[in-house]
Protein backbone atom coordinates (compact mmCIF):
# COMPACT_ATOMS: atom_id res chain seq x y z
CA UNK A 1 2.49 21.43 -17.76
CA UNK A 2 6.11 20.95 -16.67
CA UNK A 3 5.36 22.53 -13.28
CA UNK A 4 2.46 20.12 -12.79
CA UNK A 5 4.55 17.09 -13.71
CA UNK A 6 7.51 17.87 -11.45
CA UNK A 7 5.75 16.88 -8.17
CA UNK A 8 4.65 13.59 -9.74
CA UNK A 9 8.14 12.81 -10.99
CA UNK A 10 9.41 13.61 -7.49
CA UNK A 11 6.90 11.14 -6.04
CA UNK A 12 8.13 8.38 -8.35
CA UNK A 13 11.78 8.98 -7.49
CA UNK A 14 11.19 9.24 -3.74
CA UNK A 15 9.04 6.10 -3.65
CA UNK A 16 11.43 3.92 -5.61
CA UNK A 17 14.87 5.25 -4.77
CA UNK A 18 14.84 7.23 -1.50
CA UNK A 19 14.28 6.07 2.09
CA UNK A 20 10.71 6.81 3.14
CA UNK A 21 10.12 8.98 6.20
CA UNK A 22 7.31 9.12 8.73
CA UNK A 23 5.93 11.94 10.89
CA UNK A 24 4.08 9.48 13.13
CA UNK A 25 5.82 7.24 15.67
CA UNK A 26 6.73 3.78 14.45
CA UNK A 27 4.00 1.41 15.72
CA UNK A 28 6.66 -1.00 16.99
CA UNK A 29 8.62 1.65 18.90
CA UNK A 30 9.69 0.36 22.31
CA UNK A 31 8.83 -3.26 21.56
CA UNK A 32 11.49 -5.92 22.03
CA UNK A 33 12.59 -8.09 19.12
CA UNK A 34 11.04 -11.55 19.47
CA UNK A 35 12.99 -14.80 19.31
CA UNK A 36 12.41 -16.15 15.80
CA UNK A 37 13.69 -19.30 14.16
CA UNK A 38 15.26 -18.92 10.71
CA UNK A 39 12.10 -20.27 9.09
CA UNK A 40 9.90 -17.86 11.05
CA UNK A 41 12.17 -14.94 10.19
CA UNK A 42 12.08 -15.81 6.47
CA UNK A 43 8.29 -16.02 6.58
CA UNK A 44 7.93 -12.72 8.44
CA UNK A 45 10.34 -11.11 5.99
CA UNK A 46 8.34 -12.38 3.02
CA UNK A 47 5.10 -11.01 4.44
CA UNK A 48 6.61 -7.64 5.27
CA UNK A 49 8.14 -7.43 1.80
CA UNK A 50 4.67 -8.05 0.37
CA UNK A 51 3.31 -5.27 2.59
CA UNK A 52 6.04 -2.91 1.39
CA UNK A 53 5.16 -3.70 -2.23
CA UNK A 54 1.54 -2.96 -1.38
CA UNK A 55 2.56 0.50 -0.20
CA UNK A 56 4.63 1.11 -3.34
CA UNK A 57 1.55 0.19 -5.37
CA UNK A 58 -0.62 2.43 -3.18
CA UNK A 59 1.59 5.43 -3.94
CA UNK A 60 1.29 4.76 -7.67
CA UNK A 61 -2.46 4.12 -7.55
CA UNK A 62 -3.19 7.28 -5.59
CA UNK A 63 -0.93 9.28 -7.85
CA UNK A 64 -2.66 8.02 -10.98
CA UNK A 65 -6.10 8.53 -9.49
CA UNK A 66 -5.28 12.06 -8.33
CA UNK A 67 -3.94 12.92 -11.79
CA UNK A 68 -7.26 12.10 -13.42
CA UNK A 69 -9.73 12.97 -10.63
CA UNK A 70 -12.18 15.63 -11.79
CA UNK A 71 -13.36 16.99 -8.46
CA UNK A 72 -10.87 19.06 -6.45
CA UNK A 73 -12.13 17.75 -3.11
CA UNK A 74 -11.73 14.15 -4.23
CA UNK A 75 -8.27 14.90 -5.58
CA UNK A 76 -7.19 16.43 -2.27
CA UNK A 77 -8.60 13.45 -0.35
CA UNK A 78 -6.59 11.08 -2.55
CA UNK A 79 -3.44 13.12 -2.01
CA UNK A 80 -3.97 13.11 1.76
CA UNK A 81 -4.43 9.34 1.78
CA UNK A 82 -1.26 8.96 -0.30
CA UNK A 83 0.63 10.97 2.32
CA UNK A 84 -0.48 8.54 5.02
CA UNK A 85 0.58 5.61 2.84
CA UNK A 86 4.12 7.06 2.74
CA UNK A 87 4.29 6.40 6.47
CA UNK A 88 3.36 2.78 5.86
CA UNK A 89 6.13 2.68 3.28
CA UNK A 90 8.62 3.84 5.92
CA UNK A 91 7.37 1.40 8.55
CA UNK A 92 7.52 -1.65 6.29
CA UNK A 93 10.87 -0.67 4.74
CA UNK A 94 12.44 -0.39 8.18
CA UNK A 95 11.02 -3.71 9.29
CA UNK A 96 12.19 -5.54 6.17
CA UNK A 97 15.74 -4.34 6.87
CA UNK A 98 15.49 -5.32 10.55
CA UNK A 99 14.57 -8.84 9.48
CA UNK A 100 17.74 -8.96 7.39
CA UNK A 101 16.15 -8.70 3.96
CA UNK A 102 15.60 -6.31 1.08
CA UNK A 103 12.56 -4.83 -0.59
CA UNK A 104 11.25 -6.31 -3.85
CA UNK A 105 13.53 -6.08 -6.87
CA UNK A 106 10.41 -5.62 -9.00
CA UNK A 107 9.19 -2.44 -7.32
CA UNK A 108 9.62 -0.32 -10.49
CA UNK A 109 7.41 -2.81 -12.37
CA UNK A 110 4.78 -2.86 -9.63
CA UNK A 111 4.81 0.95 -9.56
CA UNK A 112 4.40 1.35 -13.31
CA UNK A 113 1.52 -1.11 -13.48
CA UNK A 114 -0.30 0.43 -10.52
CA UNK A 115 0.14 3.94 -11.90
CA UNK A 116 -1.46 2.89 -15.18
CA UNK A 117 -4.36 1.27 -13.31
CA UNK A 118 -4.84 4.42 -11.20
CA UNK A 119 -4.93 6.66 -14.27
CA UNK A 120 -7.42 4.33 -15.93
CA UNK A 121 -9.67 4.27 -12.86
CA UNK A 122 -9.66 8.06 -12.72
CA UNK A 123 -10.59 8.39 -16.38
CA UNK A 124 -13.78 6.41 -15.75
CA UNK A 125 -15.09 9.22 -13.52
CA UNK A 126 -14.87 10.15 -9.88
CA UNK A 127 -17.50 7.76 -8.51
CA UNK A 128 -15.77 4.79 -10.17
CA UNK A 129 -12.38 6.17 -9.20
CA UNK A 130 -13.47 6.21 -5.56
CA UNK A 131 -15.15 2.83 -5.97
CA UNK A 132 -11.87 1.36 -7.12
CA UNK A 133 -10.13 2.96 -4.15
CA UNK A 134 -12.68 1.60 -1.69
CA UNK A 135 -12.44 -1.94 -3.07
CA UNK A 136 -8.63 -1.77 -3.14
CA UNK A 137 -8.52 -0.76 0.51
CA UNK A 138 -11.04 -3.44 1.47
CA UNK A 139 -8.90 -6.09 -0.20
CA UNK A 140 -5.73 -4.71 1.40
CA UNK A 141 -7.44 -4.84 4.79
CA UNK A 142 -8.30 -8.49 4.19
CA UNK A 143 -4.67 -9.24 3.24
CA UNK A 144 -3.42 -7.55 6.40
CA UNK A 145 -5.82 -9.57 8.51
CA UNK A 146 -4.40 -12.74 6.93
CA UNK A 147 -0.88 -11.52 7.69
CA UNK A 148 -1.79 -10.94 11.33
CA UNK A 149 -2.88 -14.56 11.47
CA UNK A 150 0.22 -15.78 9.63
CA UNK A 151 2.93 -13.81 11.43
CA UNK A 152 4.63 -15.58 14.34
CA UNK A 153 3.04 -14.67 17.67
CA UNK A 154 6.42 -13.63 19.09
CA UNK A 155 7.08 -11.22 16.20
CA UNK A 156 5.39 -8.41 18.08
CA UNK A 157 7.15 -5.69 16.09
CA UNK A 158 5.84 -6.82 12.69
CA UNK A 159 2.41 -7.47 14.17
CA UNK A 160 2.21 -3.96 15.65
CA UNK A 161 3.02 -2.41 12.27
CA UNK A 162 0.52 -4.55 10.37
CA UNK A 163 -2.22 -3.89 12.95
CA UNK A 164 -1.85 -0.10 12.62
CA UNK A 165 -1.72 -0.31 8.84
CA UNK A 166 -4.95 -2.30 8.89
CA UNK A 167 -6.71 0.43 10.88
CA UNK A 168 -5.48 3.13 8.48
CA UNK A 169 -6.57 1.19 5.38
CA UNK A 170 -10.04 0.73 6.85
CA UNK A 171 -10.27 4.50 7.32
CA UNK A 172 -9.23 5.10 3.70
CA UNK A 173 -12.01 2.78 2.51
CA UNK A 174 -14.51 4.64 4.68
CA UNK A 175 -13.26 7.94 3.26
CA UNK A 176 -13.85 6.74 -0.30
CA UNK A 177 -17.35 5.61 0.62
CA UNK A 178 -18.06 8.97 2.25
CA UNK A 179 -17.11 10.84 -0.92
CA UNK A 180 -19.49 8.78 -3.07
CA UNK A 181 -17.72 5.60 -4.17
CA UNK A 182 -19.72 3.43 -6.57
CA UNK A 183 -19.79 -0.33 -5.89
CA UNK A 184 -17.68 -2.16 -8.46
CA UNK A 185 -19.10 -5.04 -10.53
CA UNK A 186 -18.23 -8.50 -9.20
CA UNK A 187 -16.05 -9.47 -12.20
CA UNK A 188 -13.90 -6.38 -11.61
CA UNK A 189 -13.48 -7.27 -7.94
CA UNK A 190 -12.49 -10.82 -8.84
CA UNK A 191 -9.96 -9.58 -11.40
CA UNK A 192 -8.47 -7.28 -8.75
CA UNK A 193 -8.15 -10.26 -6.37
CA UNK A 194 -6.43 -12.34 -9.04
CA UNK A 195 -3.98 -9.55 -9.87
CA UNK A 196 -3.24 -9.06 -6.19
CA UNK A 197 -2.64 -12.80 -5.72
CA UNK A 198 -0.08 -12.83 -8.52
CA UNK A 199 1.70 -9.79 -7.10
CA UNK A 200 1.83 -11.08 -3.53
CA UNK A 201 3.04 -14.54 -4.57
CA UNK A 202 5.94 -13.13 -6.56
CA UNK A 203 6.93 -10.35 -4.15
CA UNK A 204 6.98 -12.77 -1.19
CA UNK A 205 10.14 -14.23 -2.76
CA UNK A 206 11.57 -11.59 -5.10
């Protein structure tokens, strides 16, 4: 049991307290920093902090879902998706710092809550576990589309990162559907949207 828990403890510590790393090129590599007013920079920073929180939550969700997934293939797919989300974590963390800000002070709270949700989703069974994943990724994709509309046009670096993240999240949703995700009831989807709204509103500032 201890051997099984060690990798998960390592994931928690690396996500919350260590700089994330990426094996893929940064999407904004080679792009020039745009001229932003102070207001535009604050807004871009808030959005990128929200995106970083989303990736912290993604790590916790995938970890919780993988812990309770019954099928080995599904578990491995969740772990692979989590690995790709680490890259998003690195991209957004770097961009937040470039914009002169810090990541959310509430990341440990966001992580703990998302881990509990992921474990709960997994306990319901693999088809509902994957259904929760698919809906989560669909909602994240919608948020990223809103951010692309809200980011300043001249902030090409943030926009490049968000655009690539959006493509990756769409692929994760398609993966969940491919493995047999069950459509979630409408009340569950609405509750997920409400929870996400609370999280994004707070993490935009804190």
